[in-house]
Amino acid sequence: IWVDESVAVGCDAYLELLPQLPSSVQ
């Protein structure tokens, strides 16, 4: 699965927010 750069930047931002994502995701 290849992720283009702009979407990858959004993924990195989500990783910084991991403690505030749903418990199932954590």
PDB file of all heavy atoms in Angstrom:
ATOM      1  N   ILE A   1       0.876  -1.175   0.000  1.00  0.00           N
ATOM      2  CA  ILE A   1       0.000   0.000   0.000  1.00  0.00           C
ATOM      3  C   ILE A   1       0.912   1.223   0.000  1.00  0.00           C
ATOM      4  O   ILE A   1       1.667   1.452   0.951  1.00  0.00           O
ATOM      5  CB  ILE A   1      -0.926   0.016   1.230  1.00  0.00           C
ATOM      6  CG1 ILE A   1      -1.797  -1.244   1.270  1.00  0.00           C
ATOM      7  CG2 ILE A   1      -1.797   1.266   1.231  1.00  0.00           C
ATOM      8  CD1 ILE A   1      -2.630  -1.368   2.528  1.00  0.00           C
ATOM      9  N   TRP A   2       0.839   2.006  -1.063  1.00  0.00           N
ATOM     10  CA  TRP A   2       1.682   3.190  -1.206  1.00  0.00           C
ATOM     11  C   TRP A   2       0.875   4.435  -0.851  1.00  0.00           C
ATOM     12  O   TRP A   2      -0.260   4.603  -1.308  1.00  0.00           O
ATOM     13  CB  TRP A   2       2.210   3.302  -2.629  1.00  0.00           C
ATOM     14  CG  TRP A   2       3.137   2.189  -3.033  1.00  0.00           C
ATOM     15  CD1 TRP A   2       2.807   1.030  -3.664  1.00  0.00           C
ATOM     16  CD2 TRP A   2       4.542   2.138  -2.810  1.00  0.00           C
ATOM     17  NE1 TRP A   2       3.917   0.255  -3.857  1.00  0.00           N
ATOM     18  CE2 TRP A   2       5.006   0.908  -3.345  1.00  0.00           C
ATOM     19  CE3 TRP A   2       5.458   3.003  -2.218  1.00  0.00           C
ATOM     20  CZ2 TRP A   2       6.352   0.538  -3.311  1.00  0.00           C
ATOM     21  CZ3 TRP A   2       6.799   2.631  -2.176  1.00  0.00           C
ATOM     22  CH2 TRP A   2       7.231   1.412  -2.713  1.00  0.00           C
ATOM     23  N   VAL A   3       1.467   5.314  -0.039  1.00  0.00           N
ATOM     24  CA  VAL A   3       0.779   6.512   0.432  1.00  0.00           C
ATOM     25  C   VAL A   3       1.528   7.736  -0.066  1.00  0.00           C
ATOM     26  O   VAL A   3       2.702   7.940   0.253  1.00  0.00           O
ATOM     27  CB  VAL A   3       0.680   6.533   1.970  1.00  0.00           C
ATOM     28  CG1 VAL A   3      -0.115   7.753   2.437  1.00  0.00           C
ATOM     29  CG2 VAL A   3       0.035   5.252   2.479  1.00  0.00           C
ATOM     30  N   ASP A   4       0.837   8.567  -0.858  1.00  0.00           N
ATOM     31  CA  ASP A   4       1.444   9.766  -1.413  1.00  0.00           C
ATOM     32  C   ASP A   4       1.746  10.779  -0.306  1.00  0.00           C
ATOM     33  O   ASP A   4       1.171  10.735   0.780  1.00  0.00           O
ATOM     34  CB  ASP A   4       0.509  10.382  -2.456  1.00  0.00           C
ATOM     35  CG  ASP A   4       1.278  10.985  -3.619  1.00  0.00           C
ATOM     36  OD1 ASP A   4       2.509  10.954  -3.594  1.00  0.00           O
ATOM     37  OD2 ASP A   4       0.629  11.490  -4.561  1.00  0.00           O
ATOM     38  N   GLU A   5       2.609  11.738  -0.605  1.00  0.00           N
ATOM     39  CA  GLU A   5       3.200  12.593   0.418  1.00  0.00           C
ATOM     40  C   GLU A   5       2.174  13.387   1.220  1.00  0.00           C
ATOM     41  O   GLU A   5       2.237  13.431   2.448  1.00  0.00           O
ATOM     42  CB  GLU A   5       4.201  13.553  -0.221  1.00  0.00           C
ATOM     43  CG  GLU A   5       4.925  14.455   0.774  1.00  0.00           C
ATOM     44  CD  GLU A   5       5.685  13.687   1.850  1.00  0.00           C
ATOM     45  OE1 GLU A   5       6.148  12.559   1.560  1.00  0.00           O
ATOM     46  OE2 GLU A   5       5.797  14.195   2.979  1.00  0.00           O
ATOM     47  N   SER A   6       1.223  14.045   0.568  1.00  0.00           N
ATOM     48  CA  SER A   6       0.275  14.893   1.300  1.00  0.00           C
ATOM     49  C   SER A   6      -0.573  14.071   2.262  1.00  0.00           C
ATOM     50  O   SER A   6      -0.868  14.520   3.379  1.00  0.00           O
ATOM     51  CB  SER A   6      -0.614  15.659   0.312  1.00  0.00           C
ATOM     52  OG  SER A   6      -1.282  14.762  -0.555  1.00  0.00           O
ATOM     53  N   VAL A   7      -0.977  12.866   1.848  1.00  0.00           N
ATOM     54  CA  VAL A   7      -1.734  11.989   2.743  1.00  0.00           C
ATOM     55  C   VAL A   7      -0.835  11.488   3.868  1.00  0.00           C
ATOM     56  O   VAL A   7      -1.271  11.358   5.020  1.00  0.00           O
ATOM     57  CB  VAL A   7      -2.346  10.806   1.965  1.00  0.00           C
ATOM     58  CG1 VAL A   7      -3.156   9.906   2.898  1.00  0.00           C
ATOM     59  CG2 VAL A   7      -3.230  11.309   0.826  1.00  0.00           C
ATOM     60  N   ALA A   8       0.436  11.219   3.557  1.00  0.00           N
ATOM     61  CA  ALA A   8       1.381  10.748   4.570  1.00  0.00           C
ATOM     62  C   ALA A   8       1.592  11.795   5.660  1.00  0.00           C
ATOM     63  O   ALA A   8       1.716  11.452   6.842  1.00  0.00           O
ATOM     64  CB  ALA A   8       2.713  10.393   3.912  1.00  0.00           C
ATOM     65  N   VAL A   9       1.627  13.072   5.288  1.00  0.00           N
ATOM     66  CA  VAL A   9       1.765  14.135   6.283  1.00  0.00           C
ATOM     67  C   VAL A   9       0.573  14.121   7.237  1.00  0.00           C
ATOM     68  O   VAL A   9       0.721  14.291   8.447  1.00  0.00           O
ATOM     69  CB  VAL A   9       1.897  15.508   5.586  1.00  0.00           C
ATOM     70  CG1 VAL A   9       1.817  16.640   6.598  1.00  0.00           C
ATOM     71  CG2 VAL A   9       3.210  15.588   4.815  1.00  0.00           C
ATOM     72  N   GLY A  10      -0.627  13.905   6.700  1.00  0.00           N
ATOM     73  CA  GLY A  10      -1.798  13.790   7.554  1.00  0.00           C
ATOM     74  C   GLY A  10      -1.707  12.597   8.482  1.00  0.00           C
ATOM     75  O   GLY A  10      -2.113  12.670   9.648  1.00  0.00           O
ATOM     76  N   CYS A  11      -1.159  11.483   7.993  1.00  0.00           N
ATOM     77  CA  CYS A  11      -0.973  10.295   8.843  1.00  0.00           C
ATOM     78  C   CYS A  11      -0.026  10.600   9.998  1.00  0.00           C
ATOM     79  O   CYS A  11      -0.268  10.187  11.146  1.00  0.00           O
ATOM     80  CB  CYS A  11      -0.435   9.137   8.009  1.00  0.00           C
ATOM     81  SG  CYS A  11      -1.592   8.490   6.785  1.00  0.00           S
ATOM     82  N   ASP A  12       1.051  11.299   9.708  1.00  0.00           N
ATOM     83  CA  ASP A  12       2.005  11.659  10.767  1.00  0.00           C
ATOM     84  C   ASP A  12       1.339  12.537  11.827  1.00  0.00           C
ATOM     85  O   ASP A  12       1.617  12.403  13.027  1.00  0.00           O
ATOM     86  CB  ASP A  12       3.201  12.390  10.165  1.00  0.00           C
ATOM     87  CG  ASP A  12       4.055  11.491   9.281  1.00  0.00           C
ATOM     88  OD1 ASP A  12       3.974  10.254   9.441  1.00  0.00           O
ATOM     89  OD2 ASP A  12       4.786  12.018   8.414  1.00  0.00           O
ATOM     90  N   ALA A  13       0.452  13.446  11.374  1.00  0.00           N
ATOM     91  CA  ALA A  13      -0.264  14.299  12.326  1.00  0.00           C
ATOM     92  C   ALA A  13      -1.173  13.460  13.221  1.00  0.00           C
ATOM     93  O   ALA A  13      -1.294  13.723  14.422  1.00  0.00           O
ATOM     94  CB  ALA A  13      -1.067  15.353  11.573  1.00  0.00           C
ATOM     95  N   TYR A  14      -1.816  12.444  12.656  1.00  0.00           N
ATOM     96  CA  TYR A  14      -2.667  11.560  13.452  1.00  0.00           C
ATOM     97  C   TYR A  14      -1.838  10.827  14.514  1.00  0.00           C
ATOM     98  O   TYR A  14      -2.315  10.608  15.632  1.00  0.00           O
ATOM     99  CB  TYR A  14      -3.362  10.535  12.553  1.00  0.00           C
ATOM    100  CG  TYR A  14      -4.687  10.973  11.993  1.00  0.00           C
ATOM    101  CD1 TYR A  14      -4.820  12.174  11.317  1.00  0.00           C
ATOM    102  CD2 TYR A  14      -5.824  10.175  12.124  1.00  0.00           C
ATOM    103  CE1 TYR A  14      -6.045  12.574  10.781  1.00  0.00           C
ATOM    104  CE2 TYR A  14      -7.046  10.560  11.599  1.00  0.00           C
ATOM    105  CZ  TYR A  14      -7.151  11.759  10.925  1.00  0.00           C
ATOM    106  OH  TYR A  14      -8.364  12.151  10.414  1.00  0.00           O
ATOM    107  N   LEU A  15      -0.630  10.411  14.160  1.00  0.00           N
ATOM    108  CA  LEU A  15       0.209   9.690  15.118  1.00  0.00           C
ATOM    109  C   LEU A  15       0.523  10.555  16.333  1.00  0.00           C
ATOM    110  O   LEU A  15       0.616  10.054  17.458  1.00  0.00           O
ATOM    111  CB  LEU A  15       1.501   9.230  14.434  1.00  0.00           C
ATOM    112  CG  LEU A  15       1.332   8.158  13.354  1.00  0.00           C
ATOM    113  CD1 LEU A  15       2.671   7.846  12.696  1.00  0.00           C
ATOM    114  CD2 LEU A  15       0.724   6.890  13.935  1.00  0.00           C
ATOM    115  N   GLU A  16       0.684  11.863  16.121  1.00  0.00           N
ATOM    116  CA  GLU A  16       0.940  12.755  17.245  1.00  0.00           C
ATOM    117  C   GLU A  16      -0.290  12.915  18.128  1.00  0.00           C
ATOM    118  O   GLU A  16      -0.183  13.298  19.294  1.00  0.00           O
ATOM    119  CB  GLU A  16       1.395  14.119  16.717  1.00  0.00           C
ATOM    120  CG  GLU A  16       2.725  14.084  15.965  1.00  0.00           C
ATOM    121  CD  GLU A  16       3.127  15.450  15.439  1.00  0.00           C
ATOM    122  OE1 GLU A  16       2.436  16.435  15.784  1.00  0.00           O
ATOM    123  OE2 GLU A  16       4.112  15.537  14.687  1.00  0.00           O
ATOM    124  N   LEU A  17      -1.447  12.603  17.573  1.00  0.00           N
ATOM    125  CA  LEU A  17      -2.698  12.740  18.319  1.00  0.00           C
ATOM    126  C   LEU A  17      -3.179  11.415  18.890  1.00  0.00           C
ATOM    127  O   LEU A  17      -4.308  11.339  19.397  1.00  0.00           O
ATOM    128  CB  LEU A  17      -3.793  13.300  17.398  1.00  0.00           C
ATOM    129  CG  LEU A  17      -3.509  14.633  16.712  1.00  0.00           C
ATOM    130  CD1 LEU A  17      -4.602  14.937  15.699  1.00  0.00           C
ATOM    131  CD2 LEU A  17      -3.415  15.745  17.744  1.00  0.00           C
ATOM    132  N   LEU A  18      -2.383  10.380  18.819  1.00  0.00           N
ATOM    133  CA  LEU A  18      -2.815   9.034  19.191  1.00  0.00           C
ATOM    134  C   LEU A  18      -3.489   8.969  20.560  1.00  0.00           C
ATOM    135  O   LEU A  18      -4.523   8.298  20.707  1.00  0.00           O
ATOM    136  CB  LEU A  18      -1.632   8.071  19.136  1.00  0.00           C
ATOM    137  CG  LEU A  18      -1.957   6.586  19.396  1.00  0.00           C
ATOM    138  CD1 LEU A  18      -2.977   6.075  18.380  1.00  0.00           C
ATOM    139  CD2 LEU A  18      -0.686   5.744  19.343  1.00  0.00           C
ATOM    140  N   PRO A  19      -2.976   9.640  21.604  1.00  0.00           N
ATOM    141  CA  PRO A  19      -3.641   9.549  22.912  1.00  0.00           C
ATOM    142  C   PRO A  19      -5.074  10.092  22.907  1.00  0.00           C
ATOM    143  O   PRO A  19      -5.840   9.799  23.826  1.00  0.00           O
ATOM    144  CB  PRO A  19      -2.741  10.397  23.826  1.00  0.00           C
ATOM    145  CG  PRO A  19      -1.407  10.390  23.148  1.00  0.00           C
ATOM    146  CD  PRO A  19      -1.710  10.394  21.684  1.00  0.00           C
ATOM    147  N   GLN A  20      -5.449  10.857  21.888  1.00  0.00           N
ATOM    148  CA  GLN A  20      -6.785  11.430  21.845  1.00  0.00           C
ATOM    149  C   GLN A  20      -7.689  10.739  20.822  1.00  0.00           C
ATOM    150  O   GLN A  20      -8.819  11.173  20.610  1.00  0.00           O
ATOM    151  CB  GLN A  20      -6.692  12.932  21.543  1.00  0.00           C
ATOM    152  CG  GLN A  20      -5.853  13.678  22.569  1.00  0.00           C
ATOM    153  CD  GLN A  20      -5.928  15.171  22.403  1.00  0.00           C
ATOM    154  OE1 GLN A  20      -6.991  15.761  22.507  1.00  0.00           O
ATOM    155  NE2 GLN A  20      -4.792  15.795  22.151  1.00  0.00           N
ATOM    156  N   LEU A  21      -7.185   9.676  20.212  1.00  0.00           N
ATOM    157  CA  LEU A  21      -8.006   8.886  19.306  1.00  0.00           C
ATOM    158  C   LEU A  21      -8.764   7.824  20.111  1.00  0.00           C
ATOM    159  O   LEU A  21      -8.440   7.565  21.273  1.00  0.00           O
ATOM    160  CB  LEU A  21      -7.121   8.233  18.234  1.00  0.00           C
ATOM    161  CG  LEU A  21      -6.395   9.197  17.287  1.00  0.00           C
ATOM    162  CD1 LEU A  21      -5.572   8.423  16.260  1.00  0.00           C
ATOM    163  CD2 LEU A  21      -7.363  10.136  16.589  1.00  0.00           C
ATOM    164  N   PRO A  22      -9.783   7.201  19.548  1.00  0.00           N
ATOM    165  CA  PRO A  22     -10.578   6.208  20.293  1.00  0.00           C
ATOM    166  C   PRO A  22      -9.719   5.097  20.885  1.00  0.00           C
ATOM    167  O   PRO A  22      -8.650   4.758  20.352  1.00  0.00           O
ATOM    168  CB  PRO A  22     -11.545   5.671  19.229  1.00  0.00           C
ATOM    169  CG  PRO A  22     -11.680   6.780  18.244  1.00  0.00           C
ATOM    170  CD  PRO A  22     -10.333   7.439  18.194  1.00  0.00           C
ATOM    171  N   SER A  23     -10.191   4.507  21.965  1.00  0.00           N
ATOM    172  CA  SER A  23      -9.425   3.467  22.660  1.00  0.00           C
ATOM    173  C   SER A  23      -9.160   2.269  21.757  1.00  0.00           C
ATOM    174  O   SER A  23      -8.115   1.618  21.869  1.00  0.00           O
ATOM    175  CB  SER A  23     -10.171   3.020  23.921  1.00  0.00           C
ATOM    176  OG  SER A  23     -11.475   2.560  23.600  1.00  0.00           O
ATOM    177  N   SER A  24     -10.100   1.948  20.852  1.00  0.00           N
ATOM    178  CA  SER A  24      -9.883   0.829  19.947  1.00  0.00           C
ATOM    179  C   SER A  24      -8.686   1.083  19.037  1.00  0.00           C
ATOM    180  O   SER A  24      -7.930   0.156  18.712  1.00  0.00           O
ATOM    181  CB  SER A  24     -11.145   0.593  19.099  1.00  0.00           C
ATOM    182  OG  SER A  24     -11.465   1.757  18.340  1.00  0.00           O
ATOM    183  N   VAL A  25      -8.500   2.329  18.626  1.00  0.00           N
ATOM    184  CA  VAL A  25      -7.351   2.682  17.786  1.00  0.00           C
ATOM    185  C   VAL A  25      -6.066   2.604  18.606  1.00  0.00           C
ATOM    186  O   VAL A  25      -5.028   2.110  18.127  1.00  0.00           O
ATOM    187  CB  VAL A  25      -7.537   4.089  17.193  1.00  0.00           C
ATOM    188  CG1 VAL A  25      -6.338   4.473  16.331  1.00  0.00           C
ATOM    189  CG2 VAL A  25      -8.817   4.164  16.375  1.00  0.00           C
ATOM    190  N   GLN A  26      -6.112   3.066  19.837  1.00  0.00           N
ATOM    191  CA  GLN A  26      -4.928   2.999  20.697  1.00  0.00           C
ATOM    192  C   GLN A  26      -4.539   1.542  20.961  1.00  0.00           C
ATOM    193  O   GLN A  26      -3.345   1.211  21.001  1.00  0.00           O
ATOM    194  CB  GLN A  26      -5.208   3.732  22.002  1.00  0.00           C
ATOM    195  CG  GLN A  26      -5.469   5.227  21.827  1.00  0.00           C
ATOM    196  CD  GLN A  26      -5.694   5.940  23.146  1.00  0.00           C
ATOM    197  OE1 GLN A  26      -5.005   5.683  24.142  1.00  0.00           O
ATOM    198  NE2 GLN A  26      -6.684   6.822  23.188  1.00  0.00           N
TER     199      GLN A  26
END
